[in-house]
Amino acid sequence: MRILHQDEFPPQLLEIPQVPDHLYIKGELPSPDDYIYVSVVGSRKHTSYGKDACEKIIRGLKGYPFVIVSGLALGIDSIAHKTALEVGLPTIAIPGSGLDDKVLYPSANRGLADLILRKGGCILSEFEPDFRATLWSFPKRNRIVAGISRAVIVIEAPEKSGALITVRMAVDYNRDVFAVPGSIFSETSKGTNKFIKLGATPLTCAEDILNAFGLIDPLMPTQQTFAELEDISEDEKKLLELLDEPLSRDELITQSGMSAPNANAIISLLEIKGLISESLGKIRKIG
C-alpha cells in the first residue's frame, strides 16, 4: 500500500469539487493516457436480468482500452469486477472503507479484492487504512467513483438505490451517463428507467459505449452482434423464431404464450445482445 498524490491522479478526478488530498492505493493504477475509465454501478439485490446485462455489456468491451471502475460491493459491483477480470480488462475497486484486510468492506469480497490485485488492477480509498465503513462513507466514496471516470453505467437500480447517488454526481460532474433499460414491472429497474426519461443514454449493447467514444463505426454491424446466436436460451430462441417478420410487442408476447413480465425481460435481454431492435411500434430481428 502507498499514498497516491494529486499529481498522480487521473486528470478527470481533479475536476470534481472537494478533490481528495490524496488516496491510498494497492496495486497499480492503469494509465489514463492509455485507457478510458468507465464506472459500473447498480443494485446489490440484482436480478438474473441485471447479471446477464452487466456481463454481456462488459464482455462486449473485450479488446478495447477500457478500465472498469466499481465499488467492490455485493451485486452488480462484484459482477462488473469479475467479468472485467474474465475478459482481461483492468478493473479498479473503490470500497467505502480503508484498505487494510481487517476492515476492507464487504468482508465477503476480500478474495475478489486479492484477485483484482493479482490480475494487475488496483484498489483505491481516501479513508485511512484502518477505517471501518459507515453509512456516510459510501456517499463520500461515490464521488470518487463518479469523478474518476469519463462515463458511468447504471444497471438495475431501484428509485432509492445508493447507486443513483453516483449517477447524480456523474451528472453534476458532466460525465456521460448510460442506463440499461429494464422491465416496467421490475422494482429494480425503476431508477434506471427514470434516469433514461431524464436524459441518460439508453444502453442496450456494448456497441453503444464503443460508438460514444468513437471506437467503432455506428453504421457498421459488428461480428459480435451476429455471433450472439450461439449463446442464447430456449426462450430467447422462441422469440427470435417468431420474428421472421416485424411484430408489435403485444403481438410477440401473445404469440409466445409467455407471461408479460417474462417476455418483456427476455425482449430487453435480446436488445442488449444486439439481436433485435424496436422502433416505430415494431420489434425486428437483426441480422
Protein backbone atom coordinates (compact mmCIF):
# COMPACT_ATOMS: atom_id res chain seq x y z
CA MET A 1 0.00 0.00 0.00
CA ARG A 2 1.17 3.53 -0.75
CA ILE A 3 -0.18 7.07 -0.97
CA LEU A 4 -1.29 8.36 -4.37
CA HIS A 5 -0.74 12.12 -4.53
CA GLN A 6 -2.79 14.58 -6.57
CA ASP A 7 -0.14 14.89 -9.25
CA GLU A 8 -0.67 11.16 -9.90
CA PHE A 9 -4.48 11.35 -10.11
CA PRO A 10 -6.30 10.74 -13.39
CA PRO A 11 -6.94 14.26 -14.76
CA GLN A 12 -10.72 13.95 -14.59
CA LEU A 13 -10.60 13.35 -10.83
CA LEU A 14 -9.04 16.80 -10.38
CA GLU A 15 -12.14 18.37 -11.97
CA ILE A 16 -14.58 17.49 -9.17
CA PRO A 17 -15.48 19.60 -6.12
CA GLN A 18 -13.67 18.60 -2.95
CA VAL A 19 -10.79 16.79 -4.62
CA PRO A 20 -9.26 14.40 -2.09
CA ASP A 21 -5.86 15.47 -0.77
CA HIS A 22 -4.53 12.01 -1.50
CA LEU A 23 -5.68 8.42 -1.98
CA TYR A 24 -4.39 5.16 -0.61
CA ILE A 25 -3.68 2.59 -3.28
CA LYS A 26 -2.90 -1.10 -3.50
CA GLY A 27 -1.76 -2.30 -6.90
CA GLU A 28 -1.02 -0.26 -9.99
CA LEU A 29 -3.25 2.47 -11.44
CA PRO A 30 -3.87 1.89 -15.18
CA SER A 31 -2.54 4.81 -17.22
CA PRO A 32 -5.31 7.34 -18.01
CA ASP A 33 -3.38 8.12 -21.18
CA ASP A 34 -3.88 4.57 -22.40
CA TYR A 35 -7.33 3.69 -21.04
CA ILE A 36 -10.85 5.07 -20.79
CA TYR A 37 -12.20 4.76 -17.24
CA VAL A 38 -15.86 3.69 -17.10
CA SER A 39 -17.72 3.17 -13.81
CA VAL A 40 -20.39 0.49 -13.44
CA VAL A 41 -22.93 0.81 -10.62
CA GLY A 42 -26.17 -0.92 -9.72
CA SER A 43 -28.22 -2.75 -7.16
CA ARG A 44 -26.81 -5.12 -4.57
CA LYS A 45 -30.05 -7.11 -4.93
CA HIS A 46 -29.85 -7.66 -8.67
CA THR A 47 -31.97 -10.00 -10.77
CA SER A 48 -30.75 -12.53 -13.32
CA TYR A 49 -31.54 -9.92 -15.98
CA GLY A 50 -29.20 -7.42 -14.33
CA LYS A 51 -26.44 -10.03 -14.06
CA ASP A 52 -26.82 -11.05 -17.71
CA ALA A 53 -26.92 -7.43 -18.86
CA CYS A 54 -23.80 -6.49 -16.89
CA GLU A 55 -21.84 -9.49 -18.14
CA LYS A 56 -22.91 -9.02 -21.75
CA ILE A 57 -22.02 -5.33 -21.89
CA ILE A 58 -18.60 -5.73 -20.26
CA ARG A 59 -17.76 -8.78 -22.38
CA GLY A 60 -18.53 -6.67 -25.42
CA LEU A 61 -15.76 -4.26 -24.40
CA LYS A 62 -13.13 -7.01 -24.53
CA GLY A 63 -10.09 -5.94 -26.51
CA TYR A 64 -10.85 -2.23 -26.23
CA PRO A 65 -8.98 0.25 -24.00
CA PHE A 66 -11.40 0.38 -21.07
CA VAL A 67 -10.91 0.21 -17.31
CA ILE A 68 -13.94 -0.94 -15.34
CA VAL A 69 -14.38 1.00 -12.09
CA SER A 70 -16.79 -0.05 -9.36
CA GLY A 71 -17.27 -0.08 -5.61
CA LEU A 72 -16.46 -3.69 -4.62
CA ALA A 73 -19.99 -4.07 -3.19
CA LEU A 74 -22.06 -7.22 -3.49
CA GLY A 75 -24.34 -7.40 -6.50
CA ILE A 76 -23.70 -5.50 -9.74
CA ASP A 77 -20.35 -4.13 -8.49
CA SER A 78 -18.99 -7.64 -7.95
CA ILE A 79 -20.30 -8.87 -11.29
CA ALA A 80 -18.66 -5.92 -13.05
CA HIS A 81 -15.27 -6.57 -11.43
CA LYS A 82 -15.41 -10.33 -12.05
CA THR A 83 -16.49 -10.01 -15.68
CA ALA A 84 -13.76 -7.46 -16.38
CA LEU A 85 -11.18 -9.87 -14.98
CA GLU A 86 -12.61 -12.75 -17.04
CA VAL A 87 -12.19 -10.84 -20.32
CA GLY A 88 -8.84 -9.26 -19.49
CA LEU A 89 -9.95 -5.69 -18.79
CA PRO A 90 -8.23 -3.80 -15.96
CA THR A 91 -10.51 -3.05 -13.04
CA ILE A 92 -10.39 -0.60 -10.13
CA ALA A 93 -12.25 -1.18 -6.86
CA ILE A 94 -13.13 1.78 -4.65
CA PRO A 95 -14.61 0.49 -1.36
CA GLY A 96 -16.34 2.57 1.31
CA SER A 97 -13.71 1.56 3.86
CA GLY A 98 -9.97 1.64 4.38
CA LEU A 99 -7.75 -0.86 2.57
CA ASP A 100 -6.44 -2.92 5.49
CA ASP A 101 -7.57 -6.53 5.16
CA LYS A 102 -9.21 -6.50 8.58
CA VAL A 103 -11.57 -3.63 7.68
CA LEU A 104 -11.99 -3.96 3.89
CA TYR A 105 -15.72 -3.85 3.11
CA PRO A 106 -17.51 -6.05 2.38
CA SER A 107 -15.54 -8.83 4.03
CA ALA A 108 -17.16 -11.33 1.66
CA ASN A 109 -15.29 -9.69 -1.23
CA ARG A 110 -11.79 -9.73 0.25
CA GLY A 111 -10.99 -12.67 -2.01
CA LEU A 112 -12.20 -10.66 -5.02
CA ALA A 113 -10.02 -7.75 -3.94
CA ASP A 114 -7.00 -10.07 -3.83
CA LEU A 115 -7.85 -11.37 -7.31
CA ILE A 116 -8.09 -7.83 -8.68
CA LEU A 117 -4.58 -7.15 -7.38
CA ARG A 118 -3.18 -10.41 -8.75
CA LYS A 119 -4.63 -9.62 -12.16
CA GLY A 120 -2.94 -6.21 -12.31
CA GLY A 121 -5.79 -3.96 -11.13
CA CYS A 122 -5.89 -1.76 -8.08
CA ILE A 123 -7.92 -0.77 -5.03
CA LEU A 124 -8.30 2.89 -4.04
CA SER A 125 -9.61 4.67 -0.95
CA GLU A 126 -9.37 8.14 0.53
CA PHE A 127 -10.04 6.75 4.02
CA GLU A 128 -7.30 5.87 6.46
CA PRO A 129 -6.21 2.22 6.04
CA ASP A 130 -7.87 1.09 9.29
CA PHE A 131 -11.13 3.00 8.71
CA ARG A 132 -14.30 0.87 9.02
CA ALA A 133 -17.16 1.60 6.62
CA THR A 134 -20.05 3.73 7.91
CA LEU A 135 -23.32 4.90 6.38
CA TRP A 136 -21.80 8.26 5.42
CA SER A 137 -18.63 6.82 3.93
CA PHE A 138 -20.44 5.34 0.92
CA PRO A 139 -21.86 8.60 -0.49
CA LYS A 140 -18.43 10.17 0.07
CA ARG A 141 -16.82 7.25 -1.78
CA ASN A 142 -19.33 7.58 -4.61
CA ARG A 143 -17.97 10.97 -5.66
CA ILE A 144 -14.63 9.26 -6.36
CA VAL A 145 -16.33 6.53 -8.41
CA ALA A 146 -18.15 9.16 -10.46
CA GLY A 147 -15.28 11.62 -10.65
CA ILE A 148 -12.51 9.25 -11.72
CA SER A 149 -14.42 8.04 -14.78
CA ARG A 150 -15.37 9.53 -18.12
CA ALA A 151 -18.72 7.73 -18.10
CA VAL A 152 -20.99 5.96 -15.63
CA ILE A 153 -23.14 2.93 -16.48
CA VAL A 154 -26.07 2.13 -14.19
CA ILE A 155 -27.53 -1.39 -14.33
CA GLU A 156 -30.62 -2.12 -12.24
CA ALA A 157 -31.27 0.41 -9.51
CA PRO A 158 -34.46 0.96 -7.52
CA GLU A 159 -35.63 4.55 -7.17
CA LYS A 160 -33.92 4.93 -3.77
CA SER A 161 -30.78 2.98 -4.62
CA GLY A 162 -27.42 4.23 -3.43
CA ALA A 163 -26.16 3.68 -6.98
CA LEU A 164 -28.28 6.62 -8.08
CA ILE A 165 -26.25 8.90 -5.80
CA THR A 166 -23.27 8.09 -8.01
CA VAL A 167 -25.33 8.77 -11.13
CA ARG A 168 -26.47 12.17 -9.85
CA MET A 169 -22.87 13.07 -9.04
CA ALA A 170 -21.84 11.99 -12.54
CA VAL A 171 -24.43 14.35 -14.00
CA ASP A 172 -23.13 17.17 -11.79
CA TYR A 173 -19.58 16.41 -12.95
CA ASN A 174 -20.65 16.48 -16.61
CA ARG A 175 -19.88 12.81 -17.17
CA ASP A 176 -21.65 10.67 -19.76
CA VAL A 177 -24.39 8.58 -18.13
CA PHE A 178 -25.65 5.34 -19.66
CA ALA A 179 -28.59 3.42 -18.21
CA VAL A 180 -29.69 -0.11 -19.07
CA PRO A 181 -33.47 -0.07 -19.56
CA GLY A 182 -35.46 -2.65 -17.67
CA SER A 183 -38.93 -4.05 -17.40
CA ILE A 184 -41.63 -1.62 -16.29
CA PHE A 185 -42.77 -4.40 -13.95
CA SER A 186 -39.44 -4.58 -12.10
CA GLU A 187 -38.77 -2.55 -8.96
CA THR A 188 -35.03 -2.88 -9.61
CA SER A 189 -35.37 -1.01 -12.91
CA LYS A 190 -37.43 1.96 -11.73
CA GLY A 191 -34.35 4.07 -11.07
CA THR A 192 -32.65 3.30 -14.38
CA ASN A 193 -35.83 3.86 -16.37
CA LYS A 194 -36.36 7.18 -14.58
CA PHE A 195 -32.86 8.38 -15.49
CA ILE A 196 -33.48 7.50 -19.13
CA LYS A 197 -36.56 9.75 -19.02
CA LEU A 198 -34.35 12.48 -17.55
CA GLY A 199 -31.83 12.23 -20.38
CA ALA A 200 -29.44 9.34 -19.68
CA THR A 201 -28.39 7.46 -22.81
CA PRO A 202 -30.19 4.10 -23.08
CA LEU A 203 -27.62 1.30 -23.13
CA THR A 204 -28.66 -1.92 -24.85
CA CYS A 205 -25.32 -3.28 -26.07
CA ALA A 206 -21.58 -2.70 -25.77
CA GLU A 207 -21.60 -1.03 -29.19
CA ASP A 208 -23.44 1.92 -27.62
CA ILE A 209 -20.35 2.56 -25.47
CA LEU A 210 -17.95 1.98 -28.34
CA ASN A 211 -19.91 4.38 -30.55
CA ALA A 212 -19.96 7.05 -27.84
CA PHE A 213 -16.17 7.01 -27.62
CA GLY A 214 -15.64 6.81 -31.38
CA LEU A 215 -14.14 3.32 -31.30
CA ILE A 216 -16.37 1.77 -33.99
CA ASP A 217 -18.38 3.00 -36.95
CA PRO A 218 -22.01 3.12 -35.75
CA LEU A 219 -23.25 2.28 -39.24
CA MET A 220 -21.31 -0.98 -39.45
CA PRO A 221 -22.68 -4.13 -37.78
CA THR A 222 -20.09 -5.93 -35.68
CA GLN A 223 -19.22 -9.62 -35.68
CA GLN A 224 -20.32 -9.80 -32.08
CA THR A 225 -23.86 -8.72 -32.95
CA PHE A 226 -24.37 -11.73 -35.18
CA ALA A 227 -22.37 -14.22 -33.13
CA GLU A 228 -24.71 -13.97 -30.15
CA LEU A 229 -27.00 -16.62 -31.66
CA GLU A 230 -24.57 -19.22 -30.32
CA ASP A 231 -25.26 -18.20 -26.73
CA ILE A 232 -28.99 -17.81 -26.19
CA SER A 233 -31.61 -19.58 -24.12
CA GLU A 234 -34.52 -21.63 -25.43
CA ASP A 235 -36.95 -18.84 -24.54
CA GLU A 236 -34.82 -16.32 -26.44
CA LYS A 237 -34.74 -18.65 -29.46
CA LYS A 238 -38.51 -18.96 -29.28
CA LEU A 239 -38.99 -15.20 -29.54
CA LEU A 240 -36.46 -14.90 -32.35
CA GLU A 241 -38.21 -17.62 -34.34
CA LEU A 242 -41.45 -15.62 -34.12
CA LEU A 243 -39.76 -12.55 -35.61
CA ASP A 244 -39.47 -13.67 -39.21
CA GLU A 245 -41.44 -10.52 -39.80
CA PRO A 246 -41.73 -7.46 -37.56
CA LEU A 247 -44.29 -7.70 -34.75
CA SER A 248 -45.62 -5.30 -32.18
CA ARG A 249 -44.62 -6.03 -28.59
CA ASP A 250 -48.18 -7.14 -27.77
CA GLU A 251 -48.31 -9.44 -30.79
CA LEU A 252 -44.96 -11.02 -29.90
CA ILE A 253 -45.97 -11.62 -26.29
CA THR A 254 -49.33 -13.11 -27.31
CA GLN A 255 -47.79 -15.44 -29.89
CA SER A 256 -45.06 -16.57 -27.49
CA GLY A 257 -47.54 -17.77 -24.88
CA MET A 258 -45.26 -16.39 -22.14
CA SER A 259 -46.30 -14.20 -19.26
CA ALA A 260 -45.91 -10.49 -19.99
CA PRO A 261 -43.21 -9.86 -17.32
CA ASN A 262 -41.13 -12.84 -18.50
CA ALA A 263 -41.48 -11.96 -22.18
CA ASN A 264 -40.62 -8.30 -21.56
CA ALA A 265 -37.47 -9.27 -19.66
CA ILE A 266 -36.38 -11.57 -22.50
CA ILE A 267 -37.10 -8.87 -25.09
CA SER A 268 -34.90 -6.45 -23.15
CA LEU A 269 -32.11 -9.03 -22.96
CA LEU A 270 -32.29 -9.71 -26.72
CA GLU A 271 -31.97 -5.96 -27.29
CA ILE A 272 -28.87 -5.86 -25.10
CA LYS A 273 -27.39 -8.74 -27.10
CA GLY A 274 -27.98 -6.78 -30.29
CA LEU A 275 -30.28 -9.42 -31.78
CA ILE A 276 -33.46 -7.34 -32.04
CA SER A 277 -34.43 -3.70 -32.21
CA GLU A 278 -37.69 -1.90 -31.52
CA SER A 279 -38.77 1.15 -33.49
CA LEU A 280 -41.98 2.62 -34.86
CA GLY A 281 -44.00 0.25 -32.71
CA LYS A 282 -42.46 -2.91 -34.18
CA ILE A 283 -39.81 -5.34 -32.96
CA ARG A 284 -37.43 -6.58 -35.66
CA LYS A 285 -34.78 -9.27 -35.75
CA ILE A 286 -31.29 -8.03 -36.62
CA GLY A 287 -29.11 -10.00 -38.99
